[in-house]
């Protein structure tokens, strides 16, 4: 059975945390945007990932 955006919004912990950090409600509309890599929650998630990579580069750690 395919996971709907409404169920995704309720069950996916990473999405819910991203919404909380981005100060948006975890609605099915936001879930749809998140799954298509659009919206504020995705921007926050990508910024955190990029910052982690930058920190690794500055610390001299090249392994992921």
PDB file of N, CA and C in Angstrom:
ATOM      1  N   UNK A   1       0.839  -1.189   0.000  1.00  0.00           N
ATOM      2  CA  UNK A   1       0.000   0.000   0.000  1.00  0.00           C
ATOM      3  C   UNK A   1       0.881   1.248   0.000  1.00  0.00           C
ATOM      4  N   UNK A   2       0.523   2.190  -0.834  1.00  0.00           N
ATOM      5  CA  UNK A   2       1.278   3.426  -0.962  1.00  0.00           C
ATOM      6  C   UNK A   2       1.041   4.325   0.255  1.00  0.00           C
ATOM      7  N   UNK A   3       2.110   4.923   0.742  1.00  0.00           N
ATOM      8  CA  UNK A   3       2.023   5.836   1.872  1.00  0.00           C
ATOM      9  C   UNK A   3       1.523   7.190   1.372  1.00  0.00           C
ATOM     10  N   UNK A   4       0.379   7.621   1.873  1.00  0.00           N
ATOM     11  CA  UNK A   4      -0.178   8.909   1.457  1.00  0.00           C
ATOM     12  C   UNK A   4       0.565  10.043   2.152  1.00  0.00           C
ATOM     13  N   UNK A   5       0.402  11.236   1.629  1.00  0.00           N
ATOM     14  CA  UNK A   5       1.043  12.394   2.249  1.00  0.00           C
ATOM     15  C   UNK A   5       0.504  12.654   3.649  1.00  0.00           C
ATOM     16  N   UNK A   6      -0.773  12.388   3.860  1.00  0.00           N
ATOM     17  CA  UNK A   6      -1.352  12.575   5.191  1.00  0.00           C
ATOM     18  C   UNK A   6      -0.716  11.617   6.195  1.00  0.00           C
ATOM     19  N   UNK A   7      -0.558  10.355   5.813  1.00  0.00           N
ATOM     20  CA  UNK A   7       0.080   9.381   6.700  1.00  0.00           C
ATOM     21  C   UNK A   7       1.562   9.688   6.877  1.00  0.00           C
ATOM     22  N   UNK A   8       2.211  10.115   5.815  1.00  0.00           N
ATOM     23  CA  UNK A   8       3.618  10.495   5.885  1.00  0.00           C
ATOM     24  C   UNK A   8       3.803  11.629   6.890  1.00  0.00           C
ATOM     25  N   UNK A   9       2.913  12.614   6.847  1.00  0.00           N
ATOM     26  CA  UNK A   9       2.992  13.759   7.756  1.00  0.00           C
ATOM     27  C   UNK A   9       2.833  13.332   9.211  1.00  0.00           C
ATOM     28  N   UNK A  10       2.059  12.300   9.447  1.00  0.00           N
ATOM     29  CA  UNK A  10       1.833  11.818  10.814  1.00  0.00           C
ATOM     30  C   UNK A  10       2.951  10.914  11.308  1.00  0.00           C
ATOM     31  N   UNK A  11       3.560  10.127  10.415  1.00  0.00           N
ATOM     32  CA  UNK A  11       4.451   9.047  10.843  1.00  0.00           C
ATOM     33  C   UNK A  11       5.940   9.310  10.661  1.00  0.00           C
ATOM     34  N   UNK A  12       6.340  10.121   9.701  1.00  0.00           N
ATOM     35  CA  UNK A  12       7.766  10.285   9.416  1.00  0.00           C
ATOM     36  C   UNK A  12       8.406  11.255  10.412  1.00  0.00           C
ATOM     37  N   UNK A  13       9.281  10.722  11.257  1.00  0.00           N
ATOM     38  CA  UNK A  13       9.894  11.523  12.314  1.00  0.00           C
ATOM     39  C   UNK A  13      10.836  12.591  11.756  1.00  0.00           C
ATOM     40  N   UNK A  14      11.603  12.262  10.725  1.00  0.00           N
ATOM     41  CA  UNK A  14      12.513  13.252  10.132  1.00  0.00           C
ATOM     42  C   UNK A  14      11.743  14.445   9.580  1.00  0.00           C
ATOM     43  N   UNK A  15      10.635  14.173   8.918  1.00  0.00           N
ATOM     44  CA  UNK A  15       9.796  15.239   8.377  1.00  0.00           C
ATOM     45  C   UNK A  15       9.243  16.110   9.499  1.00  0.00           C
ATOM     46  N   UNK A  16       8.771  15.489  10.561  1.00  0.00           N
ATOM     47  CA  UNK A  16       8.183  16.233  11.673  1.00  0.00           C
ATOM     48  C   UNK A  16       9.222  17.136  12.351  1.00  0.00           C
ATOM     49  N   UNK A  17      10.432  16.628  12.509  1.00  0.00           N
ATOM     50  CA  UNK A  17      11.501  17.439  13.105  1.00  0.00           C
ATOM     51  C   UNK A  17      11.861  18.599  12.180  1.00  0.00           C
ATOM     52  N   UNK A  18      11.950  18.330  10.879  1.00  0.00           N
ATOM     53  CA  UNK A  18      12.264  19.387   9.913  1.00  0.00           C
ATOM     54  C   UNK A  18      11.200  20.480   9.949  1.00  0.00           C
ATOM     55  N   UNK A  19       9.949  20.096  10.062  1.00  0.00           N
ATOM     56  CA  UNK A  19       8.867  21.083  10.141  1.00  0.00           C
ATOM     57  C   UNK A  19       8.967  21.903  11.422  1.00  0.00           C
ATOM     58  N   UNK A  20       9.288  21.241  12.516  1.00  0.00           N
ATOM     59  CA  UNK A  20       9.416  21.948  13.787  1.00  0.00           C
ATOM     60  C   UNK A  20      10.542  22.981  13.723  1.00  0.00           C
ATOM     61  N   UNK A  21      11.675  22.591  13.179  1.00  0.00           N
ATOM     62  CA  UNK A  21      12.813  23.509  13.062  1.00  0.00           C
ATOM     63  C   UNK A  21      12.486  24.656  12.108  1.00  0.00           C
ATOM     64  N   UNK A  22      11.741  24.367  11.046  1.00  0.00           N
ATOM     65  CA  UNK A  22      11.382  25.384  10.054  1.00  0.00           C
ATOM     66  C   UNK A  22      10.175  26.222  10.473  1.00  0.00           C
ATOM     67  N   UNK A  23       9.581  25.901  11.612  1.00  0.00           N
ATOM     68  CA  UNK A  23       8.405  26.620  12.126  1.00  0.00           C
ATOM     69  C   UNK A  23       7.215  26.548  11.178  1.00  0.00           C
ATOM     70  N   UNK A  24       6.980  25.357  10.624  1.00  0.00           N
ATOM     71  CA  UNK A  24       5.791  25.118   9.803  1.00  0.00           C
ATOM     72  C   UNK A  24       5.041  23.920  10.375  1.00  0.00           C
ATOM     73  N   UNK A  25       3.759  23.880  10.135  1.00  0.00           N
ATOM     74  CA  UNK A  25       2.955  22.754  10.605  1.00  0.00           C
ATOM     75  C   UNK A  25       3.177  21.540   9.705  1.00  0.00           C
ATOM     76  N   UNK A  26       3.258  20.343  10.280  1.00  0.00           N
ATOM     77  CA  UNK A  26       3.464  19.127   9.472  1.00  0.00           C
ATOM     78  C   UNK A  26       2.155  18.646   8.835  1.00  0.00           C
ATOM     79  N   UNK A  27       1.690  19.377   7.836  1.00  0.00           N
ATOM     80  CA  UNK A  27       0.436  19.053   7.163  1.00  0.00           C
ATOM     81  C   UNK A  27       0.693  18.172   5.946  1.00  0.00           C
ATOM     82  N   UNK A  28      -0.387  17.658   5.359  1.00  0.00           N
ATOM     83  CA  UNK A  28      -0.215  16.840   4.158  1.00  0.00           C
ATOM     84  C   UNK A  28       0.319  17.678   2.996  1.00  0.00           C
ATOM     85  N   UNK A  29      -0.008  18.966   2.973  1.00  0.00           N
ATOM     86  CA  UNK A  29       0.538  19.850   1.929  1.00  0.00           C
ATOM     87  C   UNK A  29       2.053  19.989   2.090  1.00  0.00           C
ATOM     88  N   UNK A  30       2.504  20.202   3.317  1.00  0.00           N
ATOM     89  CA  UNK A  30       3.945  20.292   3.563  1.00  0.00           C
ATOM     90  C   UNK A  30       4.629  18.960   3.270  1.00  0.00           C
ATOM     91  N   UNK A  31       3.966  17.855   3.581  1.00  0.00           N
ATOM     92  CA  UNK A  31       4.523  16.529   3.284  1.00  0.00           C
ATOM     93  C   UNK A  31       4.697  16.354   1.781  1.00  0.00           C
ATOM     94  N   UNK A  32       3.725  16.826   1.016  1.00  0.00           N
ATOM     95  CA  UNK A  32       3.813  16.743  -0.437  1.00  0.00           C
ATOM     96  C   UNK A  32       5.012  17.537  -0.947  1.00  0.00           C
ATOM     97  N   UNK A  33       5.183  18.740  -0.424  1.00  0.00           N
ATOM     98  CA  UNK A  33       6.321  19.568  -0.822  1.00  0.00           C
ATOM     99  C   UNK A  33       7.633  18.900  -0.418  1.00  0.00           C
ATOM    100  N   UNK A  34       7.691  18.382   0.798  1.00  0.00           N
ATOM    101  CA  UNK A  34       8.905  17.756   1.326  1.00  0.00           C
ATOM    102  C   UNK A  34       9.315  16.557   0.477  1.00  0.00           C
ATOM    103  N   UNK A  35       8.350  15.763   0.086  1.00  0.00           N
ATOM    104  CA  UNK A  35       8.642  14.570  -0.712  1.00  0.00           C
ATOM    105  C   UNK A  35       9.076  14.925  -2.132  1.00  0.00           C
ATOM    106  N   UNK A  36       8.693  16.118  -2.595  1.00  0.00           N
ATOM    107  CA  UNK A  36       9.119  16.590  -3.922  1.00  0.00           C
ATOM    108  C   UNK A  36      10.346  17.492  -3.836  1.00  0.00           C
ATOM    109  N   UNK A  37      10.930  17.586  -2.632  1.00  0.00           N
ATOM    110  CA  UNK A  37      12.131  18.391  -2.367  1.00  0.00           C
ATOM    111  C   UNK A  37      11.882  19.887  -2.573  1.00  0.00           C
ATOM    112  N   UNK A  38      10.736  20.359  -2.089  1.00  0.00           N
ATOM    113  CA  UNK A  38      10.368  21.771  -2.151  1.00  0.00           C
ATOM    114  C   UNK A  38       9.975  22.245  -0.757  1.00  0.00           C
ATOM    115  N   UNK A  39       9.916  23.526  -0.560  1.00  0.00           N
ATOM    116  CA  UNK A  39       9.385  24.076   0.676  1.00  0.00           C
ATOM    117  C   UNK A  39      10.425  24.385   1.738  1.00  0.00           C
ATOM    118  N   UNK A  40       9.948  25.030   2.787  1.00  0.00           N
ATOM    119  CA  UNK A  40      10.820  25.502   3.859  1.00  0.00           C
ATOM    120  C   UNK A  40      11.448  24.361   4.653  1.00  0.00           C
ATOM    121  N   UNK A  41      10.725  23.291   4.896  1.00  0.00           N
ATOM    122  CA  UNK A  41      11.268  22.164   5.664  1.00  0.00           C
ATOM    123  C   UNK A  41      12.454  21.528   4.939  1.00  0.00           C
ATOM    124  N   UNK A  42      12.382  21.439   3.627  1.00  0.00           N
ATOM    125  CA  UNK A  42      13.494  20.879   2.842  1.00  0.00           C
ATOM    126  C   UNK A  42      14.694  21.817   2.906  1.00  0.00           C
ATOM    127  N   UNK A  43      14.447  23.113   2.814  1.00  0.00           N
ATOM    128  CA  UNK A  43      15.547  24.077   2.869  1.00  0.00           C
ATOM    129  C   UNK A  43      16.289  23.981   4.198  1.00  0.00           C
ATOM    130  N   UNK A  44      15.549  23.829   5.281  1.00  0.00           N
ATOM    131  CA  UNK A  44      16.172  23.691   6.598  1.00  0.00           C
ATOM    132  C   UNK A  44      16.977  22.403   6.665  1.00  0.00           C
ATOM    133  N   UNK A  45      16.415  21.316   6.163  1.00  0.00           N
ATOM    134  CA  UNK A  45      17.107  20.024   6.173  1.00  0.00           C
ATOM    135  C   UNK A  45      18.389  20.097   5.363  1.00  0.00           C
ATOM    136  N   UNK A  46      18.320  20.673   4.173  1.00  0.00           N
ATOM    137  CA  UNK A  46      19.502  20.763   3.320  1.00  0.00           C
ATOM    138  C   UNK A  46      20.555  21.682   3.934  1.00  0.00           C
ATOM    139  N   UNK A  47      20.133  22.747   4.594  1.00  0.00           N
ATOM    140  CA  UNK A  47      21.081  23.649   5.247  1.00  0.00           C
ATOM    141  C   UNK A  47      21.827  22.921   6.360  1.00  0.00           C
ATOM    142  N   UNK A  48      21.121  22.075   7.107  1.00  0.00           N
ATOM    143  CA  UNK A  48      21.766  21.316   8.182  1.00  0.00           C
ATOM    144  C   UNK A  48      22.754  20.310   7.617  1.00  0.00           C
ATOM    145  N   UNK A  49      22.389  19.644   6.533  1.00  0.00           N
ATOM    146  CA  UNK A  49      23.288  18.667   5.906  1.00  0.00           C
ATOM    147  C   UNK A  49      24.529  19.372   5.375  1.00  0.00           C
ATOM    148  N   UNK A  50      24.330  20.506   4.698  1.00  0.00           N
ATOM    149  CA  UNK A  50      25.461  21.249   4.150  1.00  0.00           C
ATOM    150  C   UNK A  50      26.366  21.778   5.254  1.00  0.00           C
ATOM    151  N   UNK A  51      25.777  22.247   6.350  1.00  0.00           N
ATOM    152  CA  UNK A  51      26.584  22.746   7.461  1.00  0.00           C
ATOM    153  C   UNK A  51      27.416  21.623   8.063  1.00  0.00           C
ATOM    154  N   UNK A  52      26.850  20.443   8.152  1.00  0.00           N
ATOM    155  CA  UNK A  52      27.579  19.280   8.667  1.00  0.00           C
ATOM    156  C   UNK A  52      28.783  18.971   7.772  1.00  0.00           C
ATOM    157  N   UNK A  53      28.578  19.026   6.465  1.00  0.00           N
ATOM    158  CA  UNK A  53      29.681  18.777   5.529  1.00  0.00           C
ATOM    159  C   UNK A  53      30.757  19.854   5.640  1.00  0.00           C
ATOM    160  N   UNK A  54      30.347  21.105   5.788  1.00  0.00           N
ATOM    161  CA  UNK A  54      31.307  22.199   5.936  1.00  0.00           C
ATOM    162  C   UNK A  54      32.121  22.021   7.213  1.00  0.00           C
ATOM    163  N   UNK A  55      31.446  21.664   8.295  1.00  0.00           N
ATOM    164  CA  UNK A  55      32.154  21.448   9.556  1.00  0.00           C
ATOM    165  C   UNK A  55      33.178  20.332   9.430  1.00  0.00           C
ATOM    166  N   UNK A  56      32.828  19.270   8.721  1.00  0.00           N
ATOM    167  CA  UNK A  56      33.771  18.172   8.511  1.00  0.00           C
ATOM    168  C   UNK A  56      34.982  18.647   7.715  1.00  0.00           C
ATOM    169  N   UNK A  57      34.745  19.473   6.702  1.00  0.00           N
ATOM    170  CA  UNK A  57      35.852  19.972   5.888  1.00  0.00           C
ATOM    171  C   UNK A  57      36.794  20.831   6.728  1.00  0.00           C
ATOM    172  N   UNK A  58      36.241  21.702   7.553  1.00  0.00           N
ATOM    173  CA  UNK A  58      37.068  22.590   8.366  1.00  0.00           C
ATOM    174  C   UNK A  58      37.803  21.832   9.465  1.00  0.00           C
ATOM    175  N   UNK A  59      37.220  20.748   9.928  1.00  0.00           N
ATOM    176  CA  UNK A  59      37.869  19.945  10.966  1.00  0.00           C
ATOM    177  C   UNK A  59      38.917  19.013  10.386  1.00  0.00           C
ATOM    178  N   UNK A  60      38.995  18.937   9.065  1.00  0.00           N
ATOM    179  CA  UNK A  60      39.982  18.089   8.420  1.00  0.00           C
ATOM    180  C   UNK A  60      39.543  16.652   8.254  1.00  0.00           C
ATOM    181  N   UNK A  61      38.310  16.340   8.591  1.00  0.00           N
ATOM    182  CA  UNK A  61      37.785  14.986   8.456  1.00  0.00           C
ATOM    183  C   UNK A  61      37.192  14.833   7.059  1.00  0.00           C
ATOM    184  N   UNK A  62      37.771  13.976   6.240  1.00  0.00           N
ATOM    185  CA  UNK A  62      37.296  13.814   4.869  1.00  0.00           C
ATOM    186  C   UNK A  62      36.410  12.600   4.702  1.00  0.00           C
ATOM    187  N   UNK A  63      36.249  11.783   5.739  1.00  0.00           N
ATOM    188  CA  UNK A  63      35.415  10.581   5.653  1.00  0.00           C
ATOM    189  C   UNK A  63      33.984  10.911   6.017  1.00  0.00           C
ATOM    190  N   UNK A  64      33.041  10.348   5.287  1.00  0.00           N
ATOM    191  CA  UNK A  64      31.614  10.558   5.591  1.00  0.00           C
ATOM    192  C   UNK A  64      31.120   9.543   6.558  1.00  0.00           C
TER     193      UNK A  64
END
